[in-house]
Amino acid sequence: MAVAIPVNAEEAKHVVDKTQLEAIGASATKEVPVARPITVTAEEAKYVVDKTQLEAIASSSEIREALKDESLQKLITKIDSSSNPLKELDEAMGEEAFRMLKDKILSNLSKKK
């Protein structure tokens, strides 16, 4: 039984219909191409996580909870959009929230080995 919930005009622009919701759900399971290609050297290959490890990280409730932190989201966006992401990553290591996230990810990966 469907229930209609009244919304005002301001709220209506944030409502998605069933078709949109189904499209969002379908696209969430598709692989998404990387925005910018990454070249990995043989030396760096040991630091690359495989699909199973990445799925384990993504499914960790502890990591997902940490990623809700708005300042951490901004920090990650800054690294990702930087023309010098390694420099930004080094600077991010000075932030307690980023170090905690790193530790949670590494802990999660060590459990999966």
Protein backbone atom coordinates (compact mmCIF):
# COMPACT_ATOMS: atom_id res chain seq x y z
CA MET A 1 0.00 0.00 0.00
CA ALA A 2 1.52 3.31 -1.09
CA VAL A 3 1.31 6.27 1.25
CA ALA A 4 1.42 9.83 -0.08
CA ILE A 5 3.43 12.24 2.05
CA PRO A 6 2.61 15.89 1.39
CA VAL A 7 5.57 18.14 0.65
CA ASN A 8 5.75 21.86 0.10
CA ALA A 9 7.16 23.43 -3.09
CA GLU A 10 10.61 23.91 -1.51
CA GLU A 11 10.83 20.25 -0.47
CA ALA A 12 9.50 18.98 -3.81
CA LYS A 13 12.74 19.77 -5.64
CA HIS A 14 14.52 17.25 -3.36
CA VAL A 15 12.06 14.40 -4.00
CA VAL A 16 12.95 11.66 -6.47
CA ASP A 17 10.36 9.54 -8.20
CA LYS A 18 10.42 5.74 -8.44
CA THR A 19 12.11 5.74 -11.85
CA GLN A 20 14.90 8.01 -10.63
CA LEU A 21 15.37 5.89 -7.52
CA GLU A 22 15.60 2.70 -9.59
CA ALA A 23 18.15 4.37 -11.90
CA ILE A 24 20.24 5.42 -8.90
CA GLY A 25 20.16 1.89 -7.52
CA ALA A 26 21.08 0.38 -10.87
CA SER A 27 23.97 2.78 -11.43
CA ALA A 28 25.36 2.14 -7.95
CA THR A 29 26.21 -1.42 -8.95
CA LYS A 30 27.96 -0.50 -12.20
CA GLU A 31 31.69 0.04 -12.41
CA VAL A 32 32.59 3.68 -12.89
CA PRO A 33 35.59 4.67 -14.98
CA VAL A 34 38.34 6.58 -13.19
CA ALA A 35 38.19 10.32 -13.86
CA ARG A 36 41.90 10.48 -14.53
CA PRO A 37 44.00 7.47 -15.49
CA ILE A 38 46.60 6.39 -12.98
CA THR A 39 49.92 4.92 -14.02
CA VAL A 40 51.38 2.56 -11.45
CA THR A 41 55.02 1.56 -11.56
CA ALA A 42 56.17 -1.95 -10.60
CA GLU A 43 57.53 -0.52 -7.34
CA GLU A 44 54.17 1.13 -6.52
CA ALA A 45 52.12 -1.97 -7.43
CA LYS A 46 52.56 -3.42 -3.93
CA TYR A 47 50.48 -0.51 -2.59
CA VAL A 48 47.51 -1.08 -4.91
CA VAL A 49 44.43 -2.72 -3.37
CA ASP A 50 42.52 -5.29 -5.38
CA LYS A 51 38.77 -5.28 -5.95
CA THR A 52 38.07 -7.59 -2.99
CA GLN A 53 40.09 -5.41 -0.63
CA LEU A 54 38.38 -2.27 -1.93
CA GLU A 55 34.96 -3.88 -1.41
CA ALA A 56 35.95 -4.80 2.16
CA ILE A 57 36.95 -1.20 2.84
CA ALA A 58 33.71 0.11 1.33
CA SER A 59 31.58 -2.29 3.37
CA SER A 60 33.25 -1.49 6.70
CA SER A 61 30.74 0.31 8.92
CA GLU A 62 33.60 1.80 10.95
CA ILE A 63 35.19 3.36 7.86
CA ARG A 64 31.85 4.48 6.43
CA GLU A 65 31.05 6.18 9.75
CA ALA A 66 34.42 7.97 9.75
CA LEU A 67 33.78 9.22 6.21
CA LYS A 68 30.66 11.07 7.39
CA ASP A 69 32.96 13.69 8.94
CA GLU A 70 32.54 16.82 6.81
CA SER A 71 36.06 18.12 7.42
CA LEU A 72 37.48 14.74 6.39
CA GLN A 73 35.36 14.82 3.22
CA LYS A 74 36.74 18.26 2.37
CA LEU A 75 40.28 17.05 2.98
CA ILE A 76 39.81 14.04 0.69
CA THR A 77 38.26 16.24 -1.99
CA LYS A 78 41.21 18.62 -1.71
CA ILE A 79 43.64 15.73 -2.24
CA ASP A 80 41.63 14.29 -5.13
CA SER A 81 41.24 17.57 -6.99
CA SER A 82 44.80 18.78 -6.43
CA SER A 83 47.31 19.17 -9.24
CA ASN A 84 49.84 17.76 -6.74
CA PRO A 85 47.92 15.07 -4.81
CA LEU A 86 51.04 13.56 -3.19
CA LYS A 87 51.87 16.90 -1.59
CA GLU A 88 48.29 17.25 -0.35
CA LEU A 89 48.36 13.67 0.95
CA ASP A 90 51.55 14.38 2.90
CA GLU A 91 49.92 17.47 4.42
CA ALA A 92 46.75 15.50 5.25
CA MET A 93 48.83 13.07 7.33
CA GLY A 94 49.20 15.93 9.81
CA GLU A 95 45.45 15.84 10.47
CA GLU A 96 44.32 13.52 13.27
CA ALA A 97 41.05 12.55 11.51
CA PHE A 98 42.93 11.54 8.36
CA ARG A 99 45.46 9.47 10.31
CA MET A 100 42.63 7.70 12.12
CA LEU A 101 40.95 6.91 8.79
CA LYS A 102 44.26 5.59 7.43
CA ASP A 103 44.68 3.37 10.49
CA LYS A 104 41.13 2.00 10.14
CA ILE A 105 41.71 1.21 6.47
CA LEU A 106 45.05 -0.49 7.13
CA SER A 107 43.54 -2.47 10.00
CA ASN A 108 40.69 -3.57 7.74
CA LEU A 109 43.13 -4.64 5.02
CA SER A 110 45.31 -6.61 7.44
CA LYS A 111 42.22 -8.57 8.57
CA LYS A 112 41.48 -9.57 4.96
CA LYS A 113 44.94 -11.01 4.19
